[in-house]
């Protein structure tokens, strides 16, 4: 069973930065498309950013030019660098690994943006 473990969440003031990390178990990390999703209370889970196995990236309009997704295949890790954070970025952030019809999720890490 593939395991995903997120870290890096916390409380940050508006305009601040955080970097989320997600470590994935197993030996085929490089083949996964990796993504970050988020879910705020009372809202549906939404896609934040995705990076393919080839390194192509895509972002939700709401985070473009503020967030950057990257991956380190040698460390089985995907990152989400979040800059210029806004209160509306407050949510639980989830890491996702996808390969064909297989989909794996982490347990989530909370990000709270508040003064």
Protein backbone atom coordinates (compact mmCIF):
# COMPACT_ATOMS: atom_id res chain seq x y z
CA UNK A 1 0.00 0.00 0.00
CA UNK A 2 1.34 3.41 -0.95
CA UNK A 3 1.58 5.88 1.91
CA UNK A 4 1.70 9.65 1.60
CA UNK A 5 2.77 11.77 4.55
CA UNK A 6 2.31 15.55 4.43
CA UNK A 7 4.05 18.08 6.63
CA UNK A 8 4.70 21.79 6.81
CA UNK A 9 1.30 23.19 7.63
CA UNK A 10 0.68 25.71 10.36
CA UNK A 11 -0.50 29.18 11.27
CA UNK A 12 0.83 32.08 9.22
CA UNK A 13 -0.04 35.74 8.88
CA UNK A 14 -1.48 37.14 5.65
CA UNK A 15 1.32 37.78 3.19
CA UNK A 16 3.46 35.08 4.71
CA UNK A 17 4.86 31.88 3.24
CA UNK A 18 4.79 28.17 3.96
CA UNK A 19 6.26 25.14 2.23
CA UNK A 20 4.35 21.88 2.32
CA UNK A 21 6.09 18.56 1.77
CA UNK A 22 4.67 15.15 0.93
CA UNK A 23 6.80 12.02 1.13
CA UNK A 24 5.56 9.00 -0.82
CA UNK A 25 6.50 5.42 -0.02
CA UNK A 26 7.53 2.93 -2.67
CA UNK A 27 9.91 2.77 -5.58
CA UNK A 28 7.87 4.17 -8.45
CA UNK A 29 7.35 7.74 -7.22
CA UNK A 30 8.83 9.07 -10.45
CA UNK A 31 5.90 7.58 -12.40
CA UNK A 32 3.16 9.28 -10.39
CA UNK A 33 1.39 12.46 -11.31
CA UNK A 34 1.42 14.36 -8.04
CA UNK A 35 -1.06 16.97 -6.91
CA UNK A 36 -2.08 19.13 -4.01
CA UNK A 37 -5.73 19.59 -3.15
CA UNK A 38 -7.34 21.62 -0.41
CA UNK A 39 -10.62 21.61 1.42
CA UNK A 40 -11.97 24.45 3.49
CA UNK A 41 -14.75 23.90 6.04
CA UNK A 42 -18.11 23.57 4.32
CA UNK A 43 -16.56 23.52 0.85
CA UNK A 44 -15.69 20.82 -1.66
CA UNK A 45 -12.15 19.62 -2.09
CA UNK A 46 -10.47 21.51 -4.91
CA UNK A 47 -7.37 20.99 -6.99
CA UNK A 48 -4.61 23.47 -6.18
CA UNK A 49 -1.67 22.33 -8.30
CA UNK A 50 -0.48 19.31 -10.24
CA UNK A 51 2.89 18.15 -11.55
CA UNK A 52 3.17 15.29 -14.01
CA UNK A 53 5.82 12.61 -14.05
CA UNK A 54 7.51 14.63 -16.78
CA UNK A 55 7.54 17.81 -14.70
CA UNK A 56 4.73 19.77 -16.36
CA UNK A 57 2.73 21.86 -13.93
CA UNK A 58 -0.72 23.37 -13.75
CA UNK A 59 -2.37 25.57 -11.14
CA UNK A 60 -5.77 26.73 -10.03
CA UNK A 61 -6.37 30.32 -11.08
CA UNK A 62 -6.69 31.36 -7.44
CA UNK A 63 -3.08 30.40 -6.66
CA UNK A 64 -1.27 31.16 -9.91
CA UNK A 65 1.84 33.31 -9.43
CA UNK A 66 1.73 32.66 -5.66
CA UNK A 67 2.16 28.89 -5.32
CA UNK A 68 4.78 26.62 -6.87
CA UNK A 69 4.64 22.85 -7.04
CA UNK A 70 7.84 20.88 -7.48
CA UNK A 71 9.10 17.35 -7.04
CA UNK A 72 12.34 15.63 -6.07
CA UNK A 73 12.27 12.09 -7.42
CA UNK A 74 15.43 11.16 -5.53
CA UNK A 75 13.63 11.93 -2.26
CA UNK A 76 10.17 10.65 -3.25
CA UNK A 77 8.88 14.06 -2.28
CA UNK A 78 6.57 16.67 -3.74
CA UNK A 79 6.52 20.24 -2.45
CA UNK A 80 4.11 23.14 -2.50
CA UNK A 81 5.73 26.52 -1.94
CA UNK A 82 3.03 28.98 -0.93
CA UNK A 83 3.81 32.70 -0.97
CA UNK A 84 1.68 35.79 -0.42
CA UNK A 85 -0.81 33.73 1.55
CA UNK A 86 -4.33 35.03 1.99
CA UNK A 87 -7.00 34.18 4.58
CA UNK A 88 -8.95 32.43 1.82
CA UNK A 89 -6.06 29.95 1.47
CA UNK A 90 -7.01 28.55 4.88
CA UNK A 91 -7.83 24.87 4.41
CA UNK A 92 -6.67 21.33 4.97
CA UNK A 93 -4.17 20.53 2.22
CA UNK A 94 -3.97 17.00 0.83
CA UNK A 95 -1.32 15.33 -1.26
CA UNK A 96 -2.44 13.00 -4.06
CA UNK A 97 -0.55 10.46 -6.16
CA UNK A 98 -2.10 9.13 -9.34
CA UNK A 99 -1.03 6.45 -11.78
CA UNK A 100 -3.59 5.15 -14.23
CA UNK A 101 -6.71 4.26 -12.28
CA UNK A 102 -4.85 4.18 -8.98
CA UNK A 103 -5.22 7.11 -6.62
CA UNK A 104 -3.62 7.58 -3.23
CA UNK A 105 -4.16 10.30 -0.61
CA UNK A 106 -2.32 11.63 2.37
CA UNK A 107 -3.95 12.44 5.69
CA UNK A 108 -3.79 16.19 5.18
CA UNK A 109 -2.05 19.10 6.83
CA UNK A 110 -3.83 22.21 8.09
CA UNK A 111 -2.90 25.65 6.81
CA UNK A 112 -4.40 28.63 8.62
CA UNK A 113 -3.81 32.16 7.39
CA UNK A 114 -4.82 34.69 10.02
CA UNK A 115 -3.56 37.76 11.79
